[in-house]
Amino acid sequence: MSTLIADSGGTKTDWAFLSNGEPDFFSGSGLHPAYMTVDQIENELDATVSVTPEQIFFYGAGCHGSGPASKLERAILRAFPDANLEVNDDLTGVARAHLRQYSGLIASLGTGSICGRYDSGQILKRSAALGYAIGDEGSAADLGRTILKSFFRHLLDKETSEIVADRLNNRSYSEWMDQIYNSYRPNRELAAVAGRVFINPLTNDLREIISSCFSNFIDAQFCELTPEKDEKIVCSGSVAVAHAGILLDTMSNRGFENVSIKENVIEGLVHYHS
């Protein structure tokens, strides 16, 4: 049976198509139900996916709950009316990809952030991520928000301030406020800021901001799961991978040593569904 698998985040979607032989991997834009209509999702599917699967496993940011999931279901079944479809949230996808049939704690740090307790294919408890406007601590959006506040409120040392100004193309306060607040997807804009600023070399101020955001994530979301110090913890997502050393140090300083950083969610999902 031909199978299409999607790992959709706030910025992009990774796809894998399994038929006879090796899987075919490709990518497209993120399909977030909070920011897109059914028609927009269907149009993106038509533009991105050129295969005809018999079954589809879709894992997406913002898909927890019957309302958001049903929006994705309607759009996908319009594009693929004959396919068997299962829609889950992105945290379930990350956990299935990296923990498979085992138990542990999973943390996803990408454009947004969330974590959960997982066992035997299911998320048993999840954190209240609350989205970029309220929560998403430790995410790319959170890092972008924090650096803009620190820069424009003159909280950075001289060296860091000059580096940040250069990486932000010396654009003014009003230009950045206009770009963020008039954007169709503010979370993407904030994540893009983080991608431009938090690259090597990192000054001490920049490293401290990353560590502080990770620490806030642990306090606000991770500790909500009442983790045991020796539990298996898997962290995934673009931010976790990009700043793995700082994340592992921050976790270790809080007493969590059994931590690993994993990437390639879509490849893990291929193995899970195979």
C-alpha atoms as a PDB file:
ATOM      1  CA  MET A   1       0.000   0.000   0.000  1.00  0.00           C
ATOM      2  CA  SER A   2       1.417   3.415  -0.969  1.00  0.00           C
ATOM      3  CA  THR A   3       1.816   5.750   2.007  1.00  0.00           C
ATOM      4  CA  LEU A   4       2.314   9.501   2.298  1.00  0.00           C
ATOM      5  CA  ILE A   5       3.723  10.861   5.575  1.00  0.00           C
ATOM      6  CA  ALA A   6       3.929  14.538   6.574  1.00  0.00           C
ATOM      7  CA  ASP A   7       5.832  16.266   9.374  1.00  0.00           C
ATOM      8  CA  SER A   8       4.488  19.818   9.288  1.00  0.00           C
ATOM      9  CA  GLY A   9       5.841  22.621  11.488  1.00  0.00           C
ATOM     10  CA  GLY A  10       5.209  26.323  11.691  1.00  0.00           C
ATOM     11  CA  THR A  11       7.543  27.048   8.766  1.00  0.00           C
ATOM     12  CA  LYS A  12       7.844  23.977   6.521  1.00  0.00           C
ATOM     13  CA  THR A  13       6.483  20.515   5.869  1.00  0.00           C
ATOM     14  CA  ASP A  14       8.692  17.489   5.262  1.00  0.00           C
ATOM     15  CA  TRP A  15       7.031  14.786   3.181  1.00  0.00           C
ATOM     16  CA  ALA A  16       7.870  11.139   2.511  1.00  0.00           C
ATOM     17  CA  PHE A  17       6.152   8.907  -0.040  1.00  0.00           C
ATOM     18  CA  LEU A  18       6.502   5.157   0.389  1.00  0.00           C
ATOM     19  CA  SER A  19       5.604   2.872  -2.456  1.00  0.00           C
ATOM     20  CA  ASN A  20       7.814   0.186  -3.925  1.00  0.00           C
ATOM     21  CA  GLY A  21      11.474   0.638  -3.067  1.00  0.00           C
ATOM     22  CA  GLU A  22      13.123   3.560  -1.276  1.00  0.00           C
ATOM     23  CA  PRO A  23      10.999   6.438   0.096  1.00  0.00           C
ATOM     24  CA  ASP A  24      10.827   9.666  -1.858  1.00  0.00           C
ATOM     25  CA  PHE A  25      11.441  12.764   0.299  1.00  0.00           C
ATOM     26  CA  PHE A  26      10.379  16.324  -0.564  1.00  0.00           C
ATOM     27  CA  SER A  27       9.434  19.552   1.236  1.00  0.00           C
ATOM     28  CA  GLY A  28       6.857  22.337   1.129  1.00  0.00           C
ATOM     29  CA  SER A  29       5.467  25.160   3.239  1.00  0.00           C
ATOM     30  CA  GLY A  30       4.122  24.643   6.747  1.00  0.00           C
ATOM     31  CA  LEU A  31       0.408  23.783   6.892  1.00  0.00           C
ATOM     32  CA  HIS A  32      -0.753  25.336  10.158  1.00  0.00           C
ATOM     33  CA  PRO A  33      -4.550  25.277  10.636  1.00  0.00           C
ATOM     34  CA  ALA A  34      -4.529  28.433  12.778  1.00  0.00           C
ATOM     35  CA  TYR A  35      -3.133  30.531   9.935  1.00  0.00           C
ATOM     36  CA  MET A  36      -4.599  28.926   6.814  1.00  0.00           C
ATOM     37  CA  THR A  37      -8.057  28.286   5.416  1.00  0.00           C
ATOM     38  CA  VAL A  38      -9.139  24.929   4.049  1.00  0.00           C
ATOM     39  CA  ASP A  39      -8.796  26.340   0.520  1.00  0.00           C
ATOM     40  CA  GLN A  40      -5.261  27.582   1.187  1.00  0.00           C
ATOM     41  CA  ILE A  41      -4.205  24.212   2.598  1.00  0.00           C
ATOM     42  CA  GLU A  42      -5.704  22.404  -0.389  1.00  0.00           C
ATOM     43  CA  ASN A  43      -3.933  24.764  -2.808  1.00  0.00           C
ATOM     44  CA  GLU A  44      -0.600  24.168  -1.093  1.00  0.00           C
ATOM     45  CA  LEU A  45      -1.152  20.420  -1.277  1.00  0.00           C
ATOM     46  CA  ASP A  46      -1.935  20.641  -4.995  1.00  0.00           C
ATOM     47  CA  ALA A  47       1.234  22.675  -5.572  1.00  0.00           C
ATOM     48  CA  THR A  48       3.517  20.461  -3.477  1.00  0.00           C
ATOM     49  CA  VAL A  49       2.316  16.858  -3.628  1.00  0.00           C
ATOM     50  CA  SER A  50       2.306  15.151  -7.027  1.00  0.00           C
ATOM     51  CA  VAL A  51       1.746  11.562  -5.865  1.00  0.00           C
ATOM     52  CA  THR A  52      -1.497   9.651  -5.244  1.00  0.00           C
ATOM     53  CA  PRO A  53      -1.244   7.756  -1.944  1.00  0.00           C
ATOM     54  CA  GLU A  54      -3.595   5.089  -0.646  1.00  0.00           C
ATOM     55  CA  GLN A  55      -3.037   6.155   2.962  1.00  0.00           C
ATOM     56  CA  ILE A  56      -1.800   9.356   4.609  1.00  0.00           C
ATOM     57  CA  PHE A  57      -0.320   9.972   8.048  1.00  0.00           C
ATOM     58  CA  PHE A  58      -0.221  13.715   8.719  1.00  0.00           C
ATOM     59  CA  TYR A  59       1.554  15.155  11.778  1.00  0.00           C
ATOM     60  CA  GLY A  60       1.205  18.901  12.120  1.00  0.00           C
ATOM     61  CA  ALA A  61       1.796  21.875  14.396  1.00  0.00           C
ATOM     62  CA  GLY A  62      -1.480  23.234  15.733  1.00  0.00           C
ATOM     63  CA  CYS A  63      -3.356  19.967  15.055  1.00  0.00           C
ATOM     64  CA  HIS A  64      -4.083  19.035  18.667  1.00  0.00           C
ATOM     65  CA  GLY A  65      -7.835  19.076  19.207  1.00  0.00           C
ATOM     66  CA  SER A  66     -10.771  18.125  17.021  1.00  0.00           C
ATOM     67  CA  GLY A  67     -11.299  21.574  15.470  1.00  0.00           C
ATOM     68  CA  PRO A  68      -7.839  22.148  13.981  1.00  0.00           C
ATOM     69  CA  ALA A  69      -7.479  18.482  13.011  1.00  0.00           C
ATOM     70  CA  SER A  70     -10.820  18.517  11.195  1.00  0.00           C
ATOM     71  CA  LYS A  71      -9.712  21.517   9.118  1.00  0.00           C
ATOM     72  CA  LEU A  72      -6.650  19.580   7.927  1.00  0.00           C
ATOM     73  CA  GLU A  73      -8.768  16.502   7.330  1.00  0.00           C
ATOM     74  CA  ARG A  74     -11.211  18.405   5.117  1.00  0.00           C
ATOM     75  CA  ALA A  75      -8.426  19.956   3.061  1.00  0.00           C
ATOM     76  CA  ILE A  76      -6.453  16.717   2.650  1.00  0.00           C
ATOM     77  CA  LEU A  77      -9.505  14.672   1.708  1.00  0.00           C
ATOM     78  CA  ARG A  78     -10.445  17.264  -0.902  1.00  0.00           C
ATOM     79  CA  ALA A  79      -7.028  16.759  -2.479  1.00  0.00           C
ATOM     80  CA  PHE A  80      -6.964  12.963  -1.921  1.00  0.00           C
ATOM     81  CA  PRO A  81     -10.590  11.816  -1.606  1.00  0.00           C
ATOM     82  CA  ASP A  82      -9.801   8.093  -1.872  1.00  0.00           C
ATOM     83  CA  ALA A  83      -7.025   7.968   0.742  1.00  0.00           C
ATOM     84  CA  ASN A  84      -7.267   6.575   4.257  1.00  0.00           C
ATOM     85  CA  LEU A  85      -6.239   9.462   6.514  1.00  0.00           C
ATOM     86  CA  GLU A  86      -4.918   9.882  10.047  1.00  0.00           C
ATOM     87  CA  VAL A  87      -4.150  13.374  11.414  1.00  0.00           C
ATOM     88  CA  ASN A  88      -2.103  13.871  14.591  1.00  0.00           C
ATOM     89  CA  ASP A  89      -0.299  16.803  16.153  1.00  0.00           C
ATOM     90  CA  ASP A  90       3.414  17.353  15.563  1.00  0.00           C
ATOM     91  CA  LEU A  91       4.425  16.291  19.086  1.00  0.00           C
ATOM     92  CA  THR A  92       2.991  12.824  18.474  1.00  0.00           C
ATOM     93  CA  GLY A  93       4.993  12.701  15.255  1.00  0.00           C
ATOM     94  CA  VAL A  94       8.266  13.646  16.938  1.00  0.00           C
ATOM     95  CA  ALA A  95       7.683  11.106  19.721  1.00  0.00           C
ATOM     96  CA  ARG A  96       6.815   8.276  17.325  1.00  0.00           C
ATOM     97  CA  ALA A  97       9.831   9.114  15.190  1.00  0.00           C
ATOM     98  CA  HIS A  98      12.357   9.072  18.025  1.00  0.00           C
ATOM     99  CA  LEU A  99      10.879   6.947  20.824  1.00  0.00           C
ATOM    100  CA  ARG A 100       8.939   4.448  18.663  1.00  0.00           C
ATOM    101  CA  GLN A 101       7.302   1.938  21.062  1.00  0.00           C
ATOM    102  CA  TYR A 102       9.238   2.993  24.138  1.00  0.00           C
ATOM    103  CA  SER A 103       8.406   5.480  26.883  1.00  0.00           C
ATOM    104  CA  GLY A 104      10.035   8.801  27.727  1.00  0.00           C
ATOM    105  CA  LEU A 105       9.751  12.553  27.556  1.00  0.00           C
ATOM    106  CA  ILE A 106       9.811  14.366  24.228  1.00  0.00           C
ATOM    107  CA  ALA A 107      10.541  18.059  23.680  1.00  0.00           C
ATOM    108  CA  SER A 108      10.071  19.790  20.336  1.00  0.00           C
ATOM    109  CA  LEU A 109      11.871  23.121  19.898  1.00  0.00           C
ATOM    110  CA  GLY A 110      11.380  24.609  16.451  1.00  0.00           C
ATOM    111  CA  THR A 111       9.440  27.647  15.274  1.00  0.00           C
ATOM    112  CA  GLY A 112       7.268  26.926  18.336  1.00  0.00           C
ATOM    113  CA  SER A 113       7.846  24.691  21.359  1.00  0.00           C
ATOM    114  CA  ILE A 114       6.010  21.964  23.242  1.00  0.00           C
ATOM    115  CA  CYS A 115       6.825  18.841  25.241  1.00  0.00           C
ATOM    116  CA  GLY A 116       5.029  15.725  26.398  1.00  0.00           C
ATOM    117  CA  ARG A 117       5.134  12.406  28.186  1.00  0.00           C
ATOM    118  CA  TYR A 118       4.959   9.479  25.740  1.00  0.00           C
ATOM    119  CA  ASP A 119       4.384   5.741  25.982  1.00  0.00           C
ATOM    120  CA  SER A 120       3.655   3.060  23.380  1.00  0.00           C
ATOM    121  CA  GLY A 121       2.724   5.307  20.491  1.00  0.00           C
ATOM    122  CA  GLN A 122       0.666   7.899  22.389  1.00  0.00           C
ATOM    123  CA  ILE A 123       1.199  11.208  24.170  1.00  0.00           C
ATOM    124  CA  LEU A 124      -0.134  10.736  27.690  1.00  0.00           C
ATOM    125  CA  LYS A 125       0.358  14.331  28.848  1.00  0.00           C
ATOM    126  CA  ARG A 126       1.448  17.475  27.049  1.00  0.00           C
ATOM    127  CA  SER A 127       2.559  20.919  28.150  1.00  0.00           C
ATOM    128  CA  ALA A 128       0.475  24.042  27.630  1.00  0.00           C
ATOM    129  CA  ALA A 129       2.585  25.612  24.883  1.00  0.00           C
ATOM    130  CA  LEU A 130       0.194  28.602  24.488  1.00  0.00           C
ATOM    131  CA  GLY A 131       1.659  29.727  21.149  1.00  0.00           C
ATOM    132  CA  TYR A 132       4.151  32.451  20.280  1.00  0.00           C
ATOM    133  CA  ALA A 133       2.096  35.372  21.676  1.00  0.00           C
ATOM    134  CA  ILE A 134       1.969  33.949  25.207  1.00  0.00           C
ATOM    135  CA  GLY A 135       4.307  30.975  25.495  1.00  0.00           C
ATOM    136  CA  ASP A 136       6.467  28.857  23.151  1.00  0.00           C
ATOM    137  CA  GLU A 137       9.427  29.330  25.491  1.00  0.00           C
ATOM    138  CA  GLY A 138      12.739  28.180  24.011  1.00  0.00           C
ATOM    139  CA  SER A 139      11.447  28.279  20.443  1.00  0.00           C
ATOM    140  CA  ALA A 140      12.820  30.192  17.468  1.00  0.00           C
ATOM    141  CA  ALA A 141       9.953  32.685  17.821  1.00  0.00           C
ATOM    142  CA  ASP A 142      10.858  33.152  21.497  1.00  0.00           C
ATOM    143  CA  LEU A 143      14.537  33.678  20.629  1.00  0.00           C
ATOM    144  CA  GLY A 144      13.590  36.235  17.967  1.00  0.00           C
ATOM    145  CA  ARG A 145      11.265  38.065  20.341  1.00  0.00           C
ATOM    146  CA  THR A 146      13.915  38.102  23.095  1.00  0.00           C
ATOM    147  CA  ILE A 147      16.730  39.423  20.899  1.00  0.00           C
ATOM    148  CA  LEU A 148      14.568  42.229  19.512  1.00  0.00           C
ATOM    149  CA  LYS A 149      13.601  43.283  23.046  1.00  0.00           C
ATOM    150  CA  SER A 150      17.198  43.123  24.246  1.00  0.00           C
ATOM    151  CA  PHE A 151      18.539  45.010  21.239  1.00  0.00           C
ATOM    152  CA  PHE A 152      16.038  47.846  21.053  1.00  0.00           C
ATOM    153  CA  ARG A 153      15.970  48.304  24.841  1.00  0.00           C
ATOM    154  CA  HIS A 154      19.805  48.561  24.847  1.00  0.00           C
ATOM    155  CA  LEU A 155      20.364  45.580  27.143  1.00  0.00           C
ATOM    156  CA  LEU A 156      23.267  44.105  25.152  1.00  0.00           C
ATOM    157  CA  ASP A 157      26.967  44.863  25.518  1.00  0.00           C
ATOM    158  CA  LYS A 158      28.609  46.993  22.831  1.00  0.00           C
ATOM    159  CA  GLU A 159      30.159  44.080  20.901  1.00  0.00           C
ATOM    160  CA  THR A 160      26.922  42.095  20.811  1.00  0.00           C
ATOM    161  CA  SER A 161      24.841  45.135  19.916  1.00  0.00           C
ATOM    162  CA  GLU A 162      27.049  45.855  16.908  1.00  0.00           C
ATOM    163  CA  ILE A 163      26.873  42.219  15.760  1.00  0.00           C
ATOM    164  CA  VAL A 164      23.095  42.144  16.115  1.00  0.00           C
ATOM    165  CA  ALA A 165      22.691  45.442  14.250  1.00  0.00           C
ATOM    166  CA  ASP A 166      24.747  44.057  11.373  1.00  0.00           C
ATOM    167  CA  ARG A 167      22.840  40.754  11.269  1.00  0.00           C
ATOM    168  CA  LEU A 168      19.557  42.683  11.279  1.00  0.00           C
ATOM    169  CA  ASN A 169      20.810  44.742   8.327  1.00  0.00           C
ATOM    170  CA  ASN A 170      20.883  47.929  10.444  1.00  0.00           C
ATOM    171  CA  ARG A 171      17.142  48.325  10.022  1.00  0.00           C
ATOM    172  CA  SER A 172      15.362  50.761  12.309  1.00  0.00           C
ATOM    173  CA  TYR A 173      12.980  50.130  15.182  1.00  0.00           C
ATOM    174  CA  SER A 174       9.990  51.295  13.133  1.00  0.00           C
ATOM    175  CA  GLU A 175      10.947  49.061  10.202  1.00  0.00           C
ATOM    176  CA  TRP A 176      11.107  45.983  12.420  1.00  0.00           C
ATOM    177  CA  MET A 177       7.874  46.802  14.237  1.00  0.00           C
ATOM    178  CA  ASP A 178       6.127  47.238  10.908  1.00  0.00           C
ATOM    179  CA  GLN A 179       7.482  43.944   9.592  1.00  0.00           C
ATOM    180  CA  ILE A 180       6.497  41.978  12.713  1.00  0.00           C
ATOM    181  CA  TYR A 181       3.075  43.439  13.435  1.00  0.00           C
ATOM    182  CA  ASN A 182       1.871  43.695   9.850  1.00  0.00           C
ATOM    183  CA  SER A 183       3.025  40.204   8.964  1.00  0.00           C
ATOM    184  CA  TYR A 184       0.654  37.453   7.899  1.00  0.00           C
ATOM    185  CA  ARG A 185       2.686  35.075  10.108  1.00  0.00           C
ATOM    186  CA  PRO A 186       4.413  36.967  12.974  1.00  0.00           C
ATOM    187  CA  ASN A 187       5.770  33.732  14.441  1.00  0.00           C
ATOM    188  CA  ARG A 188       7.678  33.078  11.203  1.00  0.00           C
ATOM    189  CA  GLU A 189       9.064  36.609  11.195  1.00  0.00           C
ATOM    190  CA  LEU A 190      10.300  36.219  14.769  1.00  0.00           C
ATOM    191  CA  ALA A 191      11.797  32.810  13.980  1.00  0.00           C
ATOM    192  CA  ALA A 192      13.566  34.309  10.964  1.00  0.00           C
ATOM    193  CA  VAL A 193      15.096  36.980  13.225  1.00  0.00           C
ATOM    194  CA  ALA A 194      16.499  34.216  15.432  1.00  0.00           C
ATOM    195  CA  GLY A 195      17.889  32.437  12.380  1.00  0.00           C
ATOM    196  CA  ARG A 196      19.758  35.580  11.307  1.00  0.00           C
ATOM    197  CA  VAL A 197      21.096  36.556  14.729  1.00  0.00           C
ATOM    198  CA  PHE A 198      21.916  33.323  16.566  1.00  0.00           C
ATOM    199  CA  ILE A 199      24.654  32.004  14.287  1.00  0.00           C
ATOM    200  CA  ASN A 200      28.314  31.431  15.046  1.00  0.00           C
ATOM    201  CA  PRO A 201      30.246  33.156  16.369  1.00  0.00           C
ATOM    202  CA  LEU A 202      28.038  33.663  19.418  1.00  0.00           C
ATOM    203  CA  THR A 203      29.023  36.261  21.989  1.00  0.00           C
ATOM    204  CA  ASN A 204      28.540  35.600  25.699  1.00  0.00           C
ATOM    205  CA  ASP A 205      25.389  37.746  25.632  1.00  0.00           C
ATOM    206  CA  LEU A 206      23.898  35.716  22.785  1.00  0.00           C
ATOM    207  CA  ARG A 207      24.739  32.427  24.466  1.00  0.00           C
ATOM    208  CA  GLU A 208      23.171  33.693  27.681  1.00  0.00           C
ATOM    209  CA  ILE A 209      19.954  34.621  25.870  1.00  0.00           C
ATOM    210  CA  ILE A 210      19.707  31.126  24.359  1.00  0.00           C
ATOM    211  CA  SER A 211      20.412  29.496  27.728  1.00  0.00           C
ATOM    212  CA  SER A 212      17.851  31.735  29.440  1.00  0.00           C
ATOM    213  CA  CYS A 213      15.177  30.878  26.885  1.00  0.00           C
ATOM    214  CA  PHE A 214      15.879  27.150  27.346  1.00  0.00           C
ATOM    215  CA  SER A 215      15.732  27.580  31.116  1.00  0.00           C
ATOM    216  CA  ASN A 216      12.367  29.317  30.762  1.00  0.00           C
ATOM    217  CA  PHE A 217      11.166  26.387  28.647  1.00  0.00           C
ATOM    218  CA  ILE A 218      12.186  23.946  31.377  1.00  0.00           C
ATOM    219  CA  ASP A 219      10.408  25.981  34.068  1.00  0.00           C
ATOM    220  CA  ALA A 220       7.260  26.824  32.111  1.00  0.00           C
ATOM    221  CA  GLN A 221       6.642  23.651  30.122  1.00  0.00           C
ATOM    222  CA  PHE A 222       9.012  20.781  30.819  1.00  0.00           C
ATOM    223  CA  CYS A 223       8.586  20.733  34.608  1.00  0.00           C
ATOM    224  CA  GLU A 224       4.810  20.658  34.067  1.00  0.00           C
ATOM    225  CA  LEU A 225       5.358  16.983  33.181  1.00  0.00           C
ATOM    226  CA  THR A 226       6.912  16.278  36.633  1.00  0.00           C
ATOM    227  CA  PRO A 227       9.981  14.622  35.076  1.00  0.00           C
ATOM    228  CA  GLU A 228      12.217  12.241  36.990  1.00  0.00           C
ATOM    229  CA  LYS A 229      15.919  13.033  36.833  1.00  0.00           C
ATOM    230  CA  ASP A 230      16.851   9.688  35.244  1.00  0.00           C
ATOM    231  CA  GLU A 231      14.038   9.505  32.664  1.00  0.00           C
ATOM    232  CA  LYS A 232      14.873   9.224  28.984  1.00  0.00           C
ATOM    233  CA  ILE A 233      14.491  12.654  27.355  1.00  0.00           C
ATOM    234  CA  VAL A 234      14.628  13.296  23.615  1.00  0.00           C
ATOM    235  CA  CYS A 235      14.805  16.844  22.252  1.00  0.00           C
ATOM    236  CA  SER A 236      14.155  17.567  18.598  1.00  0.00           C
ATOM    237  CA  GLY A 237      13.447  20.502  16.284  1.00  0.00           C
ATOM    238  CA  SER A 238      15.558  23.084  14.477  1.00  0.00           C
ATOM    239  CA  VAL A 239      16.415  25.112  17.600  1.00  0.00           C
ATOM    240  CA  ALA A 240      17.336  22.043  19.654  1.00  0.00           C
ATOM    241  CA  VAL A 241      19.648  20.839  16.887  1.00  0.00           C
ATOM    242  CA  ALA A 242      21.197  24.243  16.138  1.00  0.00           C
ATOM    243  CA  HIS A 243      21.990  24.931  19.803  1.00  0.00           C
ATOM    244  CA  ALA A 244      22.405  21.373  21.054  1.00  0.00           C
ATOM    245  CA  GLY A 245      25.445  22.112  23.229  1.00  0.00           C
ATOM    246  CA  ILE A 246      23.734  24.949  25.086  1.00  0.00           C
ATOM    247  CA  LEU A 247      20.533  22.929  25.489  1.00  0.00           C
ATOM    248  CA  LEU A 248      22.383  19.906  26.885  1.00  0.00           C
ATOM    249  CA  ASP A 249      24.343  22.143  29.295  1.00  0.00           C
ATOM    250  CA  THR A 250      21.144  23.844  30.463  1.00  0.00           C
ATOM    251  CA  MET A 251      19.424  20.490  30.986  1.00  0.00           C
ATOM    252  CA  SER A 252      22.464  19.149  32.832  1.00  0.00           C
ATOM    253  CA  ASN A 253      22.596  22.199  35.106  1.00  0.00           C
ATOM    254  CA  ARG A 254      18.997  21.434  36.070  1.00  0.00           C
ATOM    255  CA  GLY A 255      19.882  17.810  36.875  1.00  0.00           C
ATOM    256  CA  PHE A 256      18.701  16.123  33.648  1.00  0.00           C
ATOM    257  CA  GLU A 257      21.506  13.960  32.242  1.00  0.00           C
ATOM    258  CA  ASN A 258      19.714  11.282  30.195  1.00  0.00           C
ATOM    259  CA  VAL A 259      19.095  13.698  27.310  1.00  0.00           C
ATOM    260  CA  SER A 260      19.677  13.204  23.594  1.00  0.00           C
ATOM    261  CA  ILE A 261      19.218  15.512  20.616  1.00  0.00           C
ATOM    262  CA  LYS A 262      17.585  13.973  17.553  1.00  0.00           C
ATOM    263  CA  GLU A 263      16.808  15.286  14.067  1.00  0.00           C
ATOM    264  CA  ASN A 264      15.290  13.896  10.860  1.00  0.00           C
ATOM    265  CA  VAL A 265      11.770  13.416  12.197  1.00  0.00           C
ATOM    266  CA  ILE A 266      10.461  12.426   8.785  1.00  0.00           C
ATOM    267  CA  GLU A 267      12.992   9.589   8.487  1.00  0.00           C
ATOM    268  CA  GLY A 268      12.013   8.339  11.938  1.00  0.00           C
ATOM    269  CA  LEU A 269       8.356   8.384  10.919  1.00  0.00           C
ATOM    270  CA  VAL A 270       9.176   6.342   7.821  1.00  0.00           C
ATOM    271  CA  HIS A 271      10.696   3.659  10.064  1.00  0.00           C
ATOM    272  CA  TYR A 272       7.753   3.863  12.479  1.00  0.00           C
ATOM    273  CA  HIS A 273       5.151   3.373   9.772  1.00  0.00           C
ATOM    274  CA  SER A 274       7.162   0.747   7.955  1.00  0.00           C
END
